[in-house]
């Protein structure tokens, strides 16, 4: 049996002080697994203010095909740039990020910061085209080696 993305990355994220969460297979949504089926998780955003326990990490690591996400908050911030025509200009303005991920389009940059003062926000054009999402407390993002639901490939 191949280890799930959560099993591969979740325990290491937890050991490094982050709040990993299980993601439903073929989805970007936090999930829960019971009775041989997946469903959307309720209360996952508690992990944005309180880290899961080692017991939870061990339990989630047994769930089949679980993707891995990370809850933002507790000092973790993600800037998700989806509008590729503005990518170079935005990257020139933002501080260097040592941790990044590439999705189907765009890039996500991870930073440490004061999540008591920094709030999540979506930036859109006047005609509602997504430019940048600032993910802080109350948000999550899917991480490698999870499988992207649209491409079928790992992030």
Protein backbone atom coordinates (compact mmCIF):
# COMPACT_ATOMS: atom_id res chain seq x y z
CA UNK A 1 0.00 0.00 0.00
CA UNK A 2 1.34 3.43 -0.98
CA UNK A 3 1.45 5.93 1.88
CA UNK A 4 -1.04 8.76 1.53
CA UNK A 5 0.21 12.33 1.01
CA UNK A 6 -0.87 13.05 4.59
CA UNK A 7 1.14 10.10 5.88
CA UNK A 8 4.15 11.26 3.86
CA UNK A 9 4.12 14.93 4.91
CA UNK A 10 1.73 15.49 7.83
CA UNK A 11 3.90 14.12 10.67
CA UNK A 12 6.92 16.16 9.52
CA UNK A 13 4.85 19.33 9.32
CA UNK A 14 3.57 18.68 12.84
CA UNK A 15 7.11 18.04 14.16
CA UNK A 16 8.15 21.40 12.71
CA UNK A 17 5.40 23.29 14.56
CA UNK A 18 2.72 23.51 11.87
CA UNK A 19 -0.92 22.36 11.87
CA UNK A 20 -1.36 19.75 9.14
CA UNK A 21 -4.92 18.74 8.26
CA UNK A 22 -6.27 15.88 6.14
CA UNK A 23 -7.65 16.79 2.71
CA UNK A 24 -10.31 14.70 0.95
CA UNK A 25 -8.95 12.83 -2.10
CA UNK A 26 -9.48 14.65 -5.42
CA UNK A 27 -10.40 17.82 -3.55
CA UNK A 28 -9.04 20.94 -1.92
CA UNK A 29 -11.39 20.56 1.06
CA UNK A 30 -10.45 19.38 4.55
CA UNK A 31 -12.06 16.01 5.11
CA UNK A 32 -12.88 13.32 7.58
CA UNK A 33 -12.94 9.59 6.96
CA UNK A 34 -15.33 7.12 8.60
CA UNK A 35 -17.24 4.01 7.54
CA UNK A 36 -15.09 3.66 4.39
CA UNK A 37 -16.09 7.07 3.03
CA UNK A 38 -14.91 10.65 2.98
CA UNK A 39 -16.94 13.76 3.78
CA UNK A 40 -16.17 17.44 4.27
CA UNK A 41 -14.78 18.15 7.74
CA UNK A 42 -16.50 20.50 10.12
CA UNK A 43 -14.41 22.40 12.64
CA UNK A 44 -11.13 21.97 10.76
CA UNK A 45 -10.42 25.68 11.25
CA UNK A 46 -9.88 25.01 14.97
CA UNK A 47 -6.42 23.94 13.78
CA UNK A 48 -5.79 27.59 12.83
CA UNK A 49 -5.71 28.58 16.51
CA UNK A 50 -4.82 25.30 18.26
CA UNK A 51 -2.45 22.71 16.87
CA UNK A 52 -3.77 19.16 16.50
CA UNK A 53 -2.45 16.56 18.93
CA UNK A 54 0.08 13.85 18.11
CA UNK A 55 -2.78 11.38 18.58
CA UNK A 56 -4.80 13.15 15.85
CA UNK A 57 -1.80 13.16 13.49
CA UNK A 58 -1.31 9.42 14.05
CA UNK A 59 -5.03 8.78 13.45
CA UNK A 60 -5.20 10.91 10.29
CA UNK A 61 -2.07 9.18 8.96
CA UNK A 62 -4.07 5.93 8.71
CA UNK A 63 -6.77 7.40 6.45
CA UNK A 64 -6.51 6.10 2.86
CA UNK A 65 -5.53 8.56 0.12
CA UNK A 66 -5.69 11.56 2.46
CA UNK A 67 -4.17 14.68 0.97
CA UNK A 68 -2.30 17.05 3.23
CA UNK A 69 -3.07 20.67 3.90
CA UNK A 70 -1.80 23.16 6.40
CA UNK A 71 -3.97 25.43 8.51
CA UNK A 72 -2.87 29.05 8.39
CA UNK A 73 -2.69 31.05 11.59
CA UNK A 74 -0.46 30.55 14.61
CA UNK A 75 2.11 32.66 12.77
CA UNK A 76 1.77 31.03 9.34
CA UNK A 77 0.70 33.18 6.39
CA UNK A 78 0.38 32.21 2.73
CA UNK A 79 0.21 34.55 -0.25
CA UNK A 80 -1.43 32.74 -3.15
CA UNK A 81 -0.85 34.40 -6.53
CA UNK A 82 -3.19 33.07 -9.23
CA UNK A 83 -3.04 35.85 -11.82
CA UNK A 84 -0.03 34.89 -13.89
CA UNK A 85 0.17 38.14 -15.95
CA UNK A 86 0.96 39.99 -12.69
CA UNK A 87 3.29 37.32 -11.28
CA UNK A 88 6.62 39.03 -11.98
CA UNK A 89 5.45 42.40 -10.65
CA UNK A 90 4.02 40.85 -7.48
CA UNK A 91 7.11 38.74 -6.84
CA UNK A 92 9.28 41.85 -7.22
CA UNK A 93 7.24 43.63 -4.50
CA UNK A 94 6.98 40.78 -1.99
CA UNK A 95 9.70 39.70 0.41
CA UNK A 96 11.70 36.62 -0.54
CA UNK A 97 9.97 33.39 0.53
CA UNK A 98 12.07 30.32 1.25
CA UNK A 99 9.01 28.03 1.08
CA UNK A 100 6.80 27.96 -2.00
CA UNK A 101 4.45 25.64 -3.88
CA UNK A 102 3.24 25.60 -7.45
CA UNK A 103 -0.36 24.70 -8.25
CA UNK A 104 -2.16 24.37 -11.57
CA UNK A 105 -1.62 28.08 -12.06
CA UNK A 106 0.27 30.59 -10.02
CA UNK A 107 2.36 30.12 -6.92
CA UNK A 108 1.91 30.14 -3.15
CA UNK A 109 4.48 31.82 -0.93
CA UNK A 110 4.72 31.03 2.78
CA UNK A 111 5.79 33.44 5.50
CA UNK A 112 5.90 33.73 9.27
CA UNK A 113 4.13 36.77 10.67
CA UNK A 114 1.79 38.18 13.28
CA UNK A 115 -1.48 36.45 12.50
CA UNK A 116 -3.15 38.41 15.30
CA UNK A 117 -2.72 41.52 13.14
CA UNK A 118 -2.76 40.09 9.60
CA UNK A 119 -6.17 39.01 8.32
CA UNK A 120 -7.14 36.91 5.30
CA UNK A 121 -8.21 38.87 2.26
CA UNK A 122 -8.94 38.26 -1.42
CA UNK A 123 -7.77 40.78 -3.99
CA UNK A 124 -9.78 40.89 -7.23
CA UNK A 125 -10.01 43.10 -10.31
CA UNK A 126 -13.11 45.24 -10.81
CA UNK A 127 -14.58 42.47 -12.95
CA UNK A 128 -13.90 39.92 -10.13
CA UNK A 129 -10.87 38.18 -11.65
CA UNK A 130 -8.79 36.70 -8.83
CA UNK A 131 -5.35 38.25 -8.40
CA UNK A 132 -3.99 37.36 -4.97
CA UNK A 133 -5.31 35.66 -1.85
CA UNK A 134 -3.78 36.45 1.53
CA UNK A 135 -4.35 33.37 3.68
CA UNK A 136 -4.06 33.78 7.44
CA UNK A 137 -6.08 32.55 10.43
CA UNK A 138 -9.20 30.65 9.35
CA UNK A 139 -7.79 29.53 5.98
CA UNK A 140 -5.90 26.51 4.74
CA UNK A 141 -4.00 25.47 1.66
CA UNK A 142 -3.25 22.08 0.13
CA UNK A 143 0.39 20.99 0.02
CA UNK A 144 2.58 18.58 -1.92
CA UNK A 145 2.55 15.65 -2.39
CA UNK A 146 -1.26 15.91 -2.51
CA UNK A 147 -2.83 15.26 -5.89
CA UNK A 148 -4.27 18.34 -7.56
CA UNK A 149 -7.99 17.72 -8.29
CA UNK A 150 -7.86 19.30 -11.76
CA UNK A 151 -4.54 17.99 -13.09
CA UNK A 152 -4.41 14.59 -11.35
CA UNK A 153 -0.73 15.35 -10.68
CA UNK A 154 1.05 16.10 -7.39
CA UNK A 155 1.36 19.76 -6.40
